[in-house]
PDB file of N, CA and C in Angstrom:
ATOM      1  N   MET A   1     -62.329 129.187  44.431  1.00  0.00           N
ATOM      2  CA  MET A   1     -63.106 128.659  43.337  1.00  0.00           C
ATOM      3  C   MET A   1     -64.353 129.508  43.150  1.00  0.00           C
ATOM      4  N   MET A   2     -64.695 129.789  41.912  1.00  0.00           N
ATOM      5  CA  MET A   2     -65.826 130.633  41.593  1.00  0.00           C
ATOM      6  C   MET A   2     -67.111 129.815  41.584  1.00  0.00           C
ATOM      7  N   SER A   3     -68.189 130.412  42.121  1.00  0.00           N
ATOM      8  CA  SER A   3     -69.476 129.727  42.102  1.00  0.00           C
ATOM      9  C   SER A   3     -70.033 129.716  40.684  1.00  0.00           C
ATOM     10  N   ALA A   4     -70.948 128.790  40.424  1.00  0.00           N
ATOM     11  CA  ALA A   4     -71.556 128.690  39.094  1.00  0.00           C
ATOM     12  C   ALA A   4     -72.338 129.951  38.754  1.00  0.00           C
ATOM     13  N   SER A   5     -73.006 130.543  39.745  1.00  0.00           N
ATOM     14  CA  SER A   5     -73.789 131.754  39.468  1.00  0.00           C
ATOM     15  C   SER A   5     -72.886 132.934  39.139  1.00  0.00           C
ATOM     16  N   LEU A   6     -71.754 133.066  39.837  1.00  0.00           N
ATOM     17  CA  LEU A   6     -70.820 134.141  39.517  1.00  0.00           C
ATOM     18  C   LEU A   6     -70.236 133.938  38.131  1.00  0.00           C
ATOM     19  N   ALA A   7     -69.916 132.710  37.783  1.00  0.00           N
ATOM     20  CA  ALA A   7     -69.395 132.421  36.448  1.00  0.00           C
ATOM     21  C   ALA A   7     -70.416 132.810  35.385  1.00  0.00           C
ATOM     22  N   ALA A   8     -71.684 132.530  35.638  1.00  0.00           N
ATOM     23  CA  ALA A   8     -72.734 132.881  34.673  1.00  0.00           C
ATOM     24  C   ALA A   8     -72.830 134.391  34.506  1.00  0.00           C
ATOM     25  N   VAL A   9     -72.733 135.143  35.606  1.00  0.00           N
ATOM     26  CA  VAL A   9     -72.774 136.602  35.535  1.00  0.00           C
ATOM     27  C   VAL A   9     -71.587 137.125  34.743  1.00  0.00           C
ATOM     28  N   LEU A  10     -70.389 136.620  35.023  1.00  0.00           N
ATOM     29  CA  LEU A  10     -69.206 137.071  34.304  1.00  0.00           C
ATOM     30  C   LEU A  10     -69.286 136.715  32.831  1.00  0.00           C
ATOM     31  N   LEU A  11     -69.739 135.519  32.520  1.00  0.00           N
ATOM     32  CA  LEU A  11     -69.848 135.124  31.117  1.00  0.00           C
ATOM     33  C   LEU A  11     -70.865 135.991  30.395  1.00  0.00           C
ATOM     34  N   THR A  12     -71.947 136.354  31.061  1.00  0.00           N
ATOM     35  CA  THR A  12     -72.931 137.243  30.456  1.00  0.00           C
ATOM     36  C   THR A  12     -72.312 138.604  30.188  1.00  0.00           C
ATOM     37  N   ALA A  13     -71.519 139.098  31.130  1.00  0.00           N
ATOM     38  CA  ALA A  13     -70.871 140.396  30.950  1.00  0.00           C
ATOM     39  C   ALA A  13     -69.916 140.367  29.771  1.00  0.00           C
ATOM     40  N   PHE A  14     -69.330 139.217  29.483  1.00  0.00           N
ATOM     41  CA  PHE A  14     -68.352 139.129  28.411  1.00  0.00           C
ATOM     42  C   PHE A  14     -68.899 138.487  27.148  1.00  0.00           C
ATOM     43  N   ALA A  15     -70.194 138.248  27.102  1.00  0.00           N
ATOM     44  CA  ALA A  15     -70.829 137.746  25.889  1.00  0.00           C
ATOM     45  C   ALA A  15     -71.996 138.670  25.546  1.00  0.00           C
ATOM     46  N   PRO A  16     -71.691 139.962  25.308  1.00  0.00           N
ATOM     47  CA  PRO A  16     -72.750 140.929  25.103  1.00  0.00           C
ATOM     48  C   PRO A  16     -73.398 140.789  23.729  1.00  0.00           C
ATOM     49  N   SER A  17     -74.546 141.422  23.590  1.00  0.00           N
ATOM     50  CA  SER A  17     -75.165 141.489  22.266  1.00  0.00           C
ATOM     51  C   SER A  17     -74.331 142.441  21.416  1.00  0.00           C
ATOM     52  N   ALA A  18     -74.654 142.523  20.148  1.00  0.00           N
ATOM     53  CA  ALA A  18     -73.888 143.370  19.235  1.00  0.00           C
ATOM     54  C   ALA A  18     -73.931 144.840  19.656  1.00  0.00           C
ATOM     55  N   ASP A  19     -74.976 145.242  20.380  1.00  0.00           N
ATOM     56  CA  ASP A  19     -75.124 146.643  20.789  1.00  0.00           C
ATOM     57  C   ASP A  19     -74.545 146.938  22.159  1.00  0.00           C
ATOM     58  N   THR A  20     -74.091 145.926  22.878  1.00  0.00           N
ATOM     59  CA  THR A  20     -73.604 146.095  24.242  1.00  0.00           C
ATOM     60  C   THR A  20     -72.084 145.987  24.283  1.00  0.00           C
ATOM     61  N   PRO A  21     -71.407 147.020  24.810  1.00  0.00           N
ATOM     62  CA  PRO A  21     -69.940 146.938  24.856  1.00  0.00           C
ATOM     63  C   PRO A  21     -69.456 145.944  25.910  1.00  0.00           C
ATOM     64  N   VAL A  22     -68.272 145.395  25.697  1.00  0.00           N
ATOM     65  CA  VAL A  22     -67.629 144.514  26.669  1.00  0.00           C
ATOM     66  C   VAL A  22     -67.130 145.402  27.812  1.00  0.00           C
ATOM     67  N   ILE A  23     -67.337 144.962  29.053  1.00  0.00           N
ATOM     68  CA  ILE A  23     -66.914 145.763  30.207  1.00  0.00           C
ATOM     69  C   ILE A  23     -66.206 144.892  31.241  1.00  0.00           C
ATOM     70  N   PHE A  24     -65.357 145.558  32.064  1.00  0.00           N
ATOM     71  CA  PHE A  24     -64.765 144.892  33.218  1.00  0.00           C
ATOM     72  C   PHE A  24     -65.845 144.762  34.292  1.00  0.00           C
ATOM     73  N   PRO A  25     -65.886 143.648  35.033  1.00  0.00           N
ATOM     74  CA  PRO A  25     -66.824 143.531  36.151  1.00  0.00           C
ATOM     75  C   PRO A  25     -66.573 144.637  37.177  1.00  0.00           C
ATOM     76  N   ALA A  26     -67.628 145.070  37.843  1.00  0.00           N
ATOM     77  CA  ALA A  26     -67.549 146.186  38.790  1.00  0.00           C
ATOM     78  C   ALA A  26     -66.524 145.958  39.896  1.00  0.00           C
ATOM     79  N   ASP A  27     -66.325 144.707  40.330  1.00  0.00           N
ATOM     80  CA  ASP A  27     -65.389 144.480  41.430  1.00  0.00           C
ATOM     81  C   ASP A  27     -63.924 144.645  41.016  1.00  0.00           C
ATOM     82  N   PHE A  28     -63.658 144.865  39.724  1.00  0.00           N
ATOM     83  CA  PHE A  28     -62.307 145.190  39.270  1.00  0.00           C
ATOM     84  C   PHE A  28     -62.106 146.705  39.193  1.00  0.00           C
ATOM     85  N   HIS A  29     -63.183 147.479  39.226  1.00  0.00           N
ATOM     86  CA  HIS A  29     -63.102 148.926  39.077  1.00  0.00           C
ATOM     87  C   HIS A  29     -62.395 149.559  40.270  1.00  0.00           C
ATOM     88  N   GLY A  30     -61.727 150.663  40.018  1.00  0.00           N
ATOM     89  CA  GLY A  30     -61.102 151.424  41.085  1.00  0.00           C
ATOM     90  C   GLY A  30     -59.634 151.678  40.822  1.00  0.00           C
ATOM     91  N   ARG A  31     -58.998 152.267  41.811  1.00  0.00           N
ATOM     92  CA  ARG A  31     -57.572 152.587  41.731  1.00  0.00           C
ATOM     93  C   ARG A  31     -56.779 151.489  42.408  1.00  0.00           C
ATOM     94  N   TRP A  32     -55.688 151.071  41.762  1.00  0.00           N
ATOM     95  CA  TRP A  32     -54.814 150.007  42.247  1.00  0.00           C
ATOM     96  C   TRP A  32     -53.378 150.498  42.153  1.00  0.00           C
ATOM     97  N   ASP A  33     -52.529 150.086  43.093  1.00  0.00           N
ATOM     98  CA  ASP A  33     -51.110 150.444  43.041  1.00  0.00           C
ATOM     99  C   ASP A  33     -50.294 149.325  43.691  1.00  0.00           C
ATOM    100  N   LEU A  34     -48.988 149.460  43.641  1.00  0.00           N
ATOM    101  CA  LEU A  34     -48.099 148.376  44.065  1.00  0.00           C
ATOM    102  C   LEU A  34     -48.153 148.060  45.559  1.00  0.00           C
ATOM    103  N   SER A  35     -48.590 149.020  46.373  1.00  0.00           N
ATOM    104  CA  SER A  35     -48.676 148.796  47.816  1.00  0.00           C
ATOM    105  C   SER A  35     -49.563 149.875  48.427  1.00  0.00           C
ATOM    106  N   ALA A  36     -49.920 149.686  49.706  1.00  0.00           N
ATOM    107  CA  ALA A  36     -50.694 150.701  50.423  1.00  0.00           C
ATOM    108  C   ALA A  36     -49.908 152.010  50.481  1.00  0.00           C
ATOM    109  N   GLU A  37     -48.597 151.920  50.643  1.00  0.00           N
ATOM    110  CA  GLU A  37     -47.760 153.126  50.670  1.00  0.00           C
ATOM    111  C   GLU A  37     -47.848 153.878  49.340  1.00  0.00           C
ATOM    112  N   HIS A  38     -47.768 153.152  48.244  1.00  0.00           N
ATOM    113  CA  HIS A  38     -47.910 153.783  46.928  1.00  0.00           C
ATOM    114  C   HIS A  38     -49.287 154.425  46.785  1.00  0.00           C
ATOM    115  N   CYS A  39     -50.316 153.782  47.316  1.00  0.00           N
ATOM    116  CA  CYS A  39     -51.675 154.321  47.237  1.00  0.00           C
ATOM    117  C   CYS A  39     -51.793 155.677  47.917  1.00  0.00           C
ATOM    118  N   ARG A  40     -51.023 155.909  48.973  1.00  0.00           N
ATOM    119  CA  ARG A  40     -51.095 157.163  49.725  1.00  0.00           C
ATOM    120  C   ARG A  40     -50.420 158.327  49.006  1.00  0.00           C
ATOM    121  N   ARG A  41     -49.626 158.057  48.000  1.00  0.00           N
ATOM    122  CA  ARG A  41     -48.943 159.117  47.259  1.00  0.00           C
ATOM    123  C   ARG A  41     -49.930 159.844  46.348  1.00  0.00           C
ATOM    124  N   ASP A  42     -49.791 161.181  46.286  1.00  0.00           N
ATOM    125  CA  ASP A  42     -50.649 161.949  45.382  1.00  0.00           C
ATOM    126  C   ASP A  42     -50.417 161.547  43.938  1.00  0.00           C
ATOM    127  N   GLU A  43     -49.165 161.367  43.572  1.00  0.00           N
ATOM    128  CA  GLU A  43     -48.839 160.945  42.215  1.00  0.00           C
ATOM    129  C   GLU A  43     -47.902 159.755  42.295  1.00  0.00           C
ATOM    130  N   SER A  44     -48.331 158.669  41.705  1.00  0.00           N
ATOM    131  CA  SER A  44     -47.526 157.457  41.685  1.00  0.00           C
ATOM    132  C   SER A  44     -47.416 156.995  40.243  1.00  0.00           C
ATOM    133  N   GLY A  45     -46.225 156.781  39.790  1.00  0.00           N
ATOM    134  CA  GLY A  45     -46.009 156.310  38.432  1.00  0.00           C
ATOM    135  C   GLY A  45     -46.448 154.881  38.210  1.00  0.00           C
ATOM    136  N   SER A  46     -46.816 154.182  39.276  1.00  0.00           N
ATOM    137  CA  SER A  46     -47.216 152.772  39.142  1.00  0.00           C
ATOM    138  C   SER A  46     -48.715 152.544  39.312  1.00  0.00           C
ATOM    139  N   ALA A  47     -49.468 153.598  39.633  1.00  0.00           N
ATOM    140  CA  ALA A  47     -50.908 153.449  39.848  1.00  0.00           C
ATOM    141  C   ALA A  47     -51.639 153.188  38.539  1.00  0.00           C
ATOM    142  N   LEU A  48     -52.739 152.438  38.641  1.00  0.00           N
ATOM    143  CA  LEU A  48     -53.628 152.295  37.502  1.00  0.00           C
ATOM    144  C   LEU A  48     -55.060 152.314  37.991  1.00  0.00           C
ATOM    145  N   THR A  49     -55.924 152.790  37.118  1.00  0.00           N
ATOM    146  CA  THR A  49     -57.342 152.886  37.440  1.00  0.00           C
ATOM    147  C   THR A  49     -58.123 152.095  36.409  1.00  0.00           C
ATOM    148  N   ILE A  50     -58.982 151.201  36.909  1.00  0.00           N
ATOM    149  CA  ILE A  50     -59.801 150.379  36.029  1.00  0.00           C
ATOM    150  C   ILE A  50     -61.236 150.884  36.091  1.00  0.00           C
ATOM    151  N   SER A  51     -61.799 151.141  34.914  1.00  0.00           N
ATOM    152  CA  SER A  51     -63.202 151.526  34.799  1.00  0.00           C
ATOM    153  C   SER A  51     -63.915 150.455  33.968  1.00  0.00           C
ATOM    154  N   GLU A  52     -65.117 150.729  33.539  1.00  0.00           N
ATOM    155  CA  GLU A  52     -65.864 149.720  32.778  1.00  0.00           C
ATOM    156  C   GLU A  52     -65.129 149.254  31.536  1.00  0.00           C
ATOM    157  N   ARG A  53     -64.466 150.179  30.831  1.00  0.00           N
ATOM    158  CA  ARG A  53     -63.875 149.831  29.543  1.00  0.00           C
ATOM    159  C   ARG A  53     -62.396 150.147  29.420  1.00  0.00           C
ATOM    160  N   GLN A  54     -61.769 150.702  30.459  1.00  0.00           N
ATOM    161  CA  GLN A  54     -60.370 151.112  30.322  1.00  0.00           C
ATOM    162  C   GLN A  54     -59.534 150.802  31.546  1.00  0.00           C
ATOM    163  N   ILE A  55     -58.228 150.665  31.284  1.00  0.00           N
ATOM    164  CA  ILE A  55     -57.217 150.674  32.330  1.00  0.00           C
ATOM    165  C   ILE A  55     -56.346 151.890  32.015  1.00  0.00           C
ATOM    166  N   VAL A  56     -56.305 152.840  32.942  1.00  0.00           N
ATOM    167  CA  VAL A  56     -55.541 154.062  32.742  1.00  0.00           C
ATOM    168  C   VAL A  56     -54.347 154.041  33.687  1.00  0.00           C
ATOM    169  N   GLY A  57     -53.151 154.130  33.115  1.00  0.00           N
ATOM    170  CA  GLY A  57     -51.923 154.167  33.895  1.00  0.00           C
ATOM    171  C   GLY A  57     -51.294 155.546  33.848  1.00  0.00           C
ATOM    172  N   TYR A  58     -50.067 155.644  34.327  1.00  0.00           N
ATOM    173  CA  TYR A  58     -49.364 156.923  34.406  1.00  0.00           C
ATOM    174  C   TYR A  58     -49.141 157.529  33.021  1.00  0.00           C
ATOM    175  N   GLU A  59     -48.723 156.712  32.074  1.00  0.00           N
ATOM    176  CA  GLU A  59     -48.402 157.226  30.743  1.00  0.00           C
ATOM    177  C   GLU A  59     -49.153 156.523  29.619  1.00  0.00           C
ATOM    178  N   ASP A  60     -50.169 155.740  29.943  1.00  0.00           N
ATOM    179  CA  ASP A  60     -50.885 155.053  28.877  1.00  0.00           C
ATOM    180  C   ASP A  60     -52.332 154.780  29.269  1.00  0.00           C
ATOM    181  N   THR A  61     -53.127 154.525  28.240  1.00  0.00           N
ATOM    182  CA  THR A  61     -54.528 154.169  28.406  1.00  0.00           C
ATOM    183  C   THR A  61     -54.799 152.957  27.533  1.00  0.00           C
ATOM    184  N   SER A  62     -55.402 151.932  28.130  1.00  0.00           N
ATOM    185  CA  SER A  62     -55.742 150.709  27.403  1.00  0.00           C
ATOM    186  C   SER A  62     -57.255 150.546  27.411  1.00  0.00           C
ATOM    187  N   THR A  63     -57.831 150.392  26.218  1.00  0.00           N
ATOM    188  CA  THR A  63     -59.277 150.247  26.073  1.00  0.00           C
ATOM    189  C   THR A  63     -59.604 148.787  25.770  1.00  0.00           C
ATOM    190  N   LEU A  64     -60.556 148.250  26.506  1.00  0.00           N
ATOM    191  CA  LEU A  64     -60.946 146.847  26.409  1.00  0.00           C
ATOM    192  C   LEU A  64     -61.586 146.546  25.055  1.00  0.00           C
ATOM    193  N   LYS A  65     -61.030 145.546  24.360  1.00  0.00           N
ATOM    194  CA  LYS A  65     -61.593 145.076  23.088  1.00  0.00           C
ATOM    195  C   LYS A  65     -62.391 143.799  23.283  1.00  0.00           C
ATOM    196  N   SER A  66     -61.810 142.861  24.058  1.00  0.00           N
ATOM    197  CA  SER A  66     -62.492 141.592  24.296  1.00  0.00           C
ATOM    198  C   SER A  66     -61.986 141.004  25.603  1.00  0.00           C
ATOM    199  N   ALA A  67     -62.782 140.094  26.138  1.00  0.00           N
ATOM    200  CA  ALA A  67     -62.414 139.428  27.389  1.00  0.00           C
ATOM    201  C   ALA A  67     -63.097 138.082  27.451  1.00  0.00           C
ATOM    202  N   ARG A  68     -62.455 137.151  28.141  1.00  0.00           N
ATOM    203  CA  ARG A  68     -63.093 135.864  28.403  1.00  0.00           C
ATOM    204  C   ARG A  68     -62.672 135.400  29.780  1.00  0.00           C
ATOM    205  N   VAL A  69     -63.588 134.713  30.436  1.00  0.00           N
ATOM    206  CA  VAL A  69     -63.354 134.201  31.778  1.00  0.00           C
ATOM    207  C   VAL A  69     -62.614 132.873  31.653  1.00  0.00           C
ATOM    208  N   LEU A  70     -61.523 132.741  32.415  1.00  0.00           N
ATOM    209  CA  LEU A  70     -60.742 131.507  32.467  1.00  0.00           C
ATOM    210  C   LEU A  70     -61.091 130.745  33.733  1.00  0.00           C
ATOM    211  N   ASP A  71     -60.565 129.535  33.870  1.00  0.00           N
ATOM    212  CA  ASP A  71     -60.776 128.749  35.090  1.00  0.00           C
ATOM    213  C   ASP A  71     -60.349 129.559  36.303  1.00  0.00           C
ATOM    214  N   GLY A  72     -61.113 129.448  37.379  1.00  0.00           N
ATOM    215  CA  GLY A  72     -60.779 130.124  38.616  1.00  0.00           C
ATOM    216  C   GLY A  72     -61.191 131.581  38.651  1.00  0.00           C
ATOM    217  N   GLY A  73     -61.839 132.074  37.605  1.00  0.00           N
ATOM    218  CA  GLY A  73     -62.331 133.449  37.621  1.00  0.00           C
ATOM    219  C   GLY A  73     -61.376 134.486  37.086  1.00  0.00           C
ATOM    220  N   SER A  74     -60.210 134.070  36.609  1.00  0.00           N
ATOM    221  CA  SER A  74     -59.312 135.063  36.018  1.00  0.00           C
ATOM    222  C   SER A  74     -59.859 135.473  34.657  1.00  0.00           C
ATOM    223  N   LEU A  75     -59.424 136.627  34.179  1.00  0.00           N
ATOM    224  CA  LEU A  75     -59.893 137.165  32.911  1.00  0.00           C
ATOM    225  C   LEU A  75     -58.739 137.256  31.932  1.00  0.00           C
ATOM    226  N   HIS A  76     -58.958 136.798  30.711  1.00  0.00           N
ATOM    227  CA  HIS A  76     -58.001 137.025  29.626  1.00  0.00           C
ATOM    228  C   HIS A  76     -58.577 138.188  28.834  1.00  0.00           C
ATOM    229  N   VAL A  77     -57.834 139.299  28.743  1.00  0.00           N
ATOM    230  CA  VAL A  77     -58.344 140.488  28.068  1.00  0.00           C
ATOM    231  C   VAL A  77     -57.422 140.892  26.925  1.00  0.00           C
ATOM    232  N   VAL A  78     -58.018 141.453  25.891  1.00  0.00           N
ATOM    233  CA  VAL A  78     -57.294 142.053  24.781  1.00  0.00           C
ATOM    234  C   VAL A  78     -57.644 143.528  24.807  1.00  0.00           C
ATOM    235  N   LEU A  79     -56.608 144.363  24.778  1.00  0.00           N
ATOM    236  CA  LEU A  79     -56.801 145.806  24.903  1.00  0.00           C
ATOM    237  C   LEU A  79     -56.080 146.549  23.787  1.00  0.00           C
ATOM    238  N   ASP A  80     -56.649 147.686  23.390  1.00  0.00           N
ATOM    239  CA  ASP A  80     -55.947 148.630  22.521  1.00  0.00           C
ATOM    240  C   ASP A  80     -55.213 149.581  23.439  1.00  0.00           C
ATOM    241  N   ASN A  81     -53.884 149.583  23.369  1.00  0.00           N
ATOM    242  CA  ASN A  81     -53.060 150.399  24.254  1.00  0.00           C
ATOM    243  C   ASN A  81     -52.548 151.623  23.507  1.00  0.00           C
ATOM    244  N   GLU A  82     -52.755 152.798  24.094  1.00  0.00           N
ATOM    245  CA  GLU A  82     -52.247 154.052  23.557  1.00  0.00           C
ATOM    246  C   GLU A  82     -51.238 154.619  24.538  1.00  0.00           C
ATOM    247  N   SER A  83     -50.012 154.866  24.049  1.00  0.00           N
ATOM    248  CA  SER A  83     -48.979 155.439  24.903  1.00  0.00           C
ATOM    249  C   SER A  83     -48.046 156.294  24.062  1.00  0.00           C
ATOM    250  N   ALA A  84     -47.150 156.998  24.727  1.00  0.00           N
ATOM    251  CA  ALA A  84     -46.167 157.820  24.029  1.00  0.00           C
ATOM    252  C   ALA A  84     -45.245 156.958  23.163  1.00  0.00           C
ATOM    253  N   GLU A  85     -45.130 155.681  23.510  1.00  0.00           N
ATOM    254  CA  GLU A  85     -44.281 154.760  22.760  1.00  0.00           C
ATOM    255  C   GLU A  85     -44.973 154.224  21.511  1.00  0.00           C
ATOM    256  N   GLY A  86     -46.233 154.567  21.320  1.00  0.00           N
ATOM    257  CA  GLY A  86     -46.981 154.102  20.163  1.00  0.00           C
ATOM    258  C   GLY A  86     -48.190 153.292  20.563  1.00  0.00           C
ATOM    259  N   ASP A  87     -49.085 153.116  19.618  1.00  0.00           N
ATOM    260  CA  ASP A  87     -50.308 152.362  19.853  1.00  0.00           C
ATOM    261  C   ASP A  87     -50.102 150.911  19.448  1.00  0.00           C
ATOM    262  N   ARG A  88     -50.660 149.983  20.258  1.00  0.00           N
ATOM    263  CA  ARG A  88     -50.547 148.564  19.929  1.00  0.00           C
ATOM    264  C   ARG A  88     -51.605 147.781  20.684  1.00  0.00           C
ATOM    265  N   GLU A  89     -51.828 146.572  20.227  1.00  0.00           N
ATOM    266  CA  GLU A  89     -52.744 145.676  20.915  1.00  0.00           C
ATOM    267  C   GLU A  89     -51.951 144.872  21.934  1.00  0.00           C
ATOM    268  N   ILE A  90     -52.486 144.749  23.140  1.00  0.00           N
ATOM    269  CA  ILE A  90     -51.830 143.945  24.176  1.00  0.00           C
ATOM    270  C   ILE A  90     -52.831 142.942  24.749  1.00  0.00           C
ATOM    271  N   GLN A  91     -52.300 141.868  25.315  1.00  0.00           N
ATOM    272  CA  GLN A  91     -53.114 140.855  25.976  1.00  0.00           C
ATOM    273  C   GLN A  91     -52.619 140.698  27.409  1.00  0.00           C
ATOM    274  N   MET A  92     -53.561 140.496  28.325  1.00  0.00           N
ATOM    275  CA  MET A  92     -53.233 140.317  29.737  1.00  0.00           C
ATOM    276  C   MET A  92     -54.146 139.269  30.345  1.00  0.00           C
ATOM    277  N   VAL A  93     -53.679 138.678  31.424  1.00  0.00           N
ATOM    278  CA  VAL A  93     -54.522 137.861  32.288  1.00  0.00           C
ATOM    279  C   VAL A  93     -54.576 138.596  33.620  1.00  0.00           C
ATOM    280  N   ILE A  94     -55.782 138.832  34.100  1.00  0.00           N
ATOM    281  CA  ILE A  94     -56.004 139.587  35.340  1.00  0.00           C
ATOM    282  C   ILE A  94     -56.806 138.718  36.288  1.00  0.00           C
ATOM    283  N   TRP A  95     -56.381 138.662  37.546  1.00  0.00           N
ATOM    284  CA  TRP A  95     -57.165 137.929  38.540  1.00  0.00           C
ATOM    285  C   TRP A  95     -57.050 138.615  39.879  1.00  0.00           C
ATOM    286  N   ARG A  96     -58.094 138.445  40.689  1.00  0.00           N
ATOM    287  CA  ARG A  96     -58.131 139.021  42.030  1.00  0.00           C
ATOM    288  C   ARG A  96     -57.757 137.949  43.023  1.00  0.00           C
ATOM    289  N   SER A  97     -57.202 138.370  44.138  1.00  0.00           N
ATOM    290  CA  SER A  97     -56.794 137.434  45.178  1.00  0.00           C
ATOM    291  C   SER A  97     -58.012 136.766  45.799  1.00  0.00           C
ATOM    292  N   SER A  98     -57.795 135.596  46.359  1.00  0.00           N
ATOM    293  CA  SER A  98     -58.888 134.842  46.974  1.00  0.00           C
ATOM    294  C   SER A  98     -59.169 135.292  48.408  1.00  0.00           C
ATOM    295  N   ASP A  99     -58.424 136.271  48.908  1.00  0.00           N
ATOM    296  CA  ASP A  99     -58.586 136.756  50.289  1.00  0.00           C
ATOM    297  C   ASP A  99     -59.518 137.960  50.369  1.00  0.00           C
ATOM    298  N   GLY A 100     -60.557 137.979  49.573  1.00  0.00           N
ATOM    299  CA  GLY A 100     -61.486 139.103  49.576  1.00  0.00           C
ATOM    300  C   GLY A 100     -61.236 140.054  48.427  1.00  0.00           C
ATOM    301  N   GLY A 101     -60.284 139.744  47.590  1.00  0.00           N
ATOM    302  CA  GLY A 101     -60.056 140.533  46.388  1.00  0.00           C
ATOM    303  C   GLY A 101     -59.361 141.851  46.579  1.00  0.00           C
ATOM    304  N   GLU A 102     -58.631 142.012  47.669  1.00  0.00           N
ATOM    305  CA  GLU A 102     -57.944 143.278  47.909  1.00  0.00           C
ATOM    306  C   GLU A 102     -56.653 143.405  47.103  1.00  0.00           C
ATOM    307  N   TRP A 103     -56.281 142.353  46.420  1.00  0.00           N
ATOM    308  CA  TRP A 103     -55.095 142.372  45.557  1.00  0.00           C
ATOM    309  C   TRP A 103     -55.503 141.982  44.151  1.00  0.00           C
ATOM    310  N   LEU A 104     -54.883 142.617  43.181  1.00  0.00           N
ATOM    311  CA  LEU A 104     -55.119 142.342  41.772  1.00  0.00           C
ATOM    312  C   LEU A 104     -53.792 141.911  41.167  1.00  0.00           C
ATOM    313  N   ASN A 105     -53.798 140.857  40.385  1.00  0.00           N
ATOM    314  CA  ASN A 105     -52.581 140.363  39.746  1.00  0.00           C
ATOM    315  C   ASN A 105     -52.741 140.502  38.241  1.00  0.00           C
ATOM    316  N   ILE A 106     -51.691 141.011  37.584  1.00  0.00           N
ATOM    317  CA  ILE A 106     -51.725 141.204  36.136  1.00  0.00           C
ATOM    318  C   ILE A 106     -50.448 140.635  35.540  1.00  0.00           C
ATOM    319  N   GLU A 107     -50.599 139.852  34.483  1.00  0.00           N
ATOM    320  CA  GLU A 107     -49.438 139.421  33.703  1.00  0.00           C
ATOM    321  C   GLU A 107     -49.841 139.434  32.239  1.00  0.00           C
ATOM    322  N   GLY A 108     -48.869 139.583  31.368  1.00  0.00           N
ATOM    323  CA  GLY A 108     -49.169 139.604  29.945  1.00  0.00           C
ATOM    324  C   GLY A 108     -48.025 140.154  29.133  1.00  0.00           C
ATOM    325  N   ASP A 109     -48.363 140.698  27.957  1.00  0.00           N
ATOM    326  CA  ASP A 109     -47.359 141.195  27.024  1.00  0.00           C
ATOM    327  C   ASP A 109     -46.334 142.114  27.685  1.00  0.00           C
ATOM    328  N   ALA A 110     -46.819 143.107  28.408  1.00  0.00           N
ATOM    329  CA  ALA A 110     -45.925 144.093  29.016  1.00  0.00           C
ATOM    330  C   ALA A 110     -45.413 143.648  30.379  1.00  0.00           C
ATOM    331  N   ARG A 111     -45.981 142.589  30.921  1.00  0.00           N
ATOM    332  CA  ARG A 111     -45.624 142.096  32.256  1.00  0.00           C
ATOM    333  C   ARG A 111     -45.464 140.579  32.197  1.00  0.00           C
ATOM    334  N   PRO A 112     -44.290 140.084  31.774  1.00  0.00           N
ATOM    335  CA  PRO A 112     -44.131 138.631  31.629  1.00  0.00           C
ATOM    336  C   PRO A 112     -44.242 137.865  32.949  1.00  0.00           C
ATOM    337  N   GLN A 113     -43.978 138.535  34.059  1.00  0.00           N
ATOM    338  CA  GLN A 113     -44.208 137.934  35.374  1.00  0.00           C
ATOM    339  C   GLN A 113     -45.331 138.717  36.034  1.00  0.00           C
ATOM    340  N   ALA A 114     -46.165 138.026  36.772  1.00  0.00           N
ATOM    341  CA  ALA A 114     -47.318 138.679  37.398  1.00  0.00           C
ATOM    342  C   ALA A 114     -46.872 139.815  38.305  1.00  0.00           C
ATOM    343  N   VAL A 115     -47.581 140.932  38.209  1.00  0.00           N
ATOM    344  CA  VAL A 115     -47.358 142.077  39.078  1.00  0.00           C
ATOM    345  C   VAL A 115     -48.594 142.177  39.971  1.00  0.00           C
ATOM    346  N   ARG A 116     -48.364 142.346  41.269  1.00  0.00           N
ATOM    347  CA  ARG A 116     -49.442 142.379  42.241  1.00  0.00           C
ATOM    348  C   ARG A 116     -49.738 143.826  42.621  1.00  0.00           C
ATOM    349  N   TYR A 117     -51.027 144.196  42.575  1.00  0.00           N
ATOM    350  CA  TYR A 117     -51.472 145.548  42.902  1.00  0.00           C
ATOM    351  C   TYR A 117     -52.424 145.505  44.093  1.00  0.00           C
ATOM    352  N   ALA A 118     -52.274 146.473  45.000  1.00  0.00           N
ATOM    353  CA  ALA A 118     -53.184 146.618  46.137  1.00  0.00           C
ATOM    354  C   ALA A 118     -54.328 147.537  45.753  1.00  0.00           C
ATOM    355  N   ARG A 119     -55.536 147.238  46.273  1.00  0.00           N
ATOM    356  CA  ARG A 119     -56.663 148.132  46.058  1.00  0.00           C
ATOM    357  C   ARG A 119     -56.434 149.380  46.910  1.00  0.00           C
ATOM    358  N   CYS A 120     -56.539 150.538  46.290  1.00  0.00           N
ATOM    359  CA  CYS A 120     -56.399 151.808  47.025  1.00  0.00           C
ATOM    360  C   CYS A 120     -57.756 152.193  47.605  1.00  0.00           C
ATOM    361  N   GLY A 121     -57.721 152.824  48.766  1.00  0.00           N
ATOM    362  CA  GLY A 121     -58.961 153.237  49.440  1.00  0.00           C
ATOM    363  C   GLY A 121     -59.753 154.238  48.626  1.00  0.00           C
ATOM    364  N   ALA A 122     -60.973 154.445  49.051  1.00  0.00           N
ATOM    365  CA  ALA A 122     -61.876 155.367  48.321  1.00  0.00           C
ATOM    366  C   ALA A 122     -61.394 156.782  48.367  1.00  0.00           C
TER     367      ALA A 122
END
């Protein structure tokens, strides 16, 4: 369960002024992949990297358009996705595991069942 102060910080991050872009919280940033073994590979077709405004995968880049915090601290995000298959808007729900956040779960348009990603080391 998320504390009230953390919820306030997340809501502030996702309710910016007109001049402030919407960003992913810092604890979502970094490289994620399907397992620790996948993380050790130099090139993995399943890796993704989350920065302040983008999720970059093997063959696509998704730029954050909007986000809102759901119950339990998960995020509902709308992204502009650019890939070789064409550009489109996608929606996802992203949440971190309650065991210290070393796992990231994503489900949405392209992932009808949640896919679990491990945080890759620095």
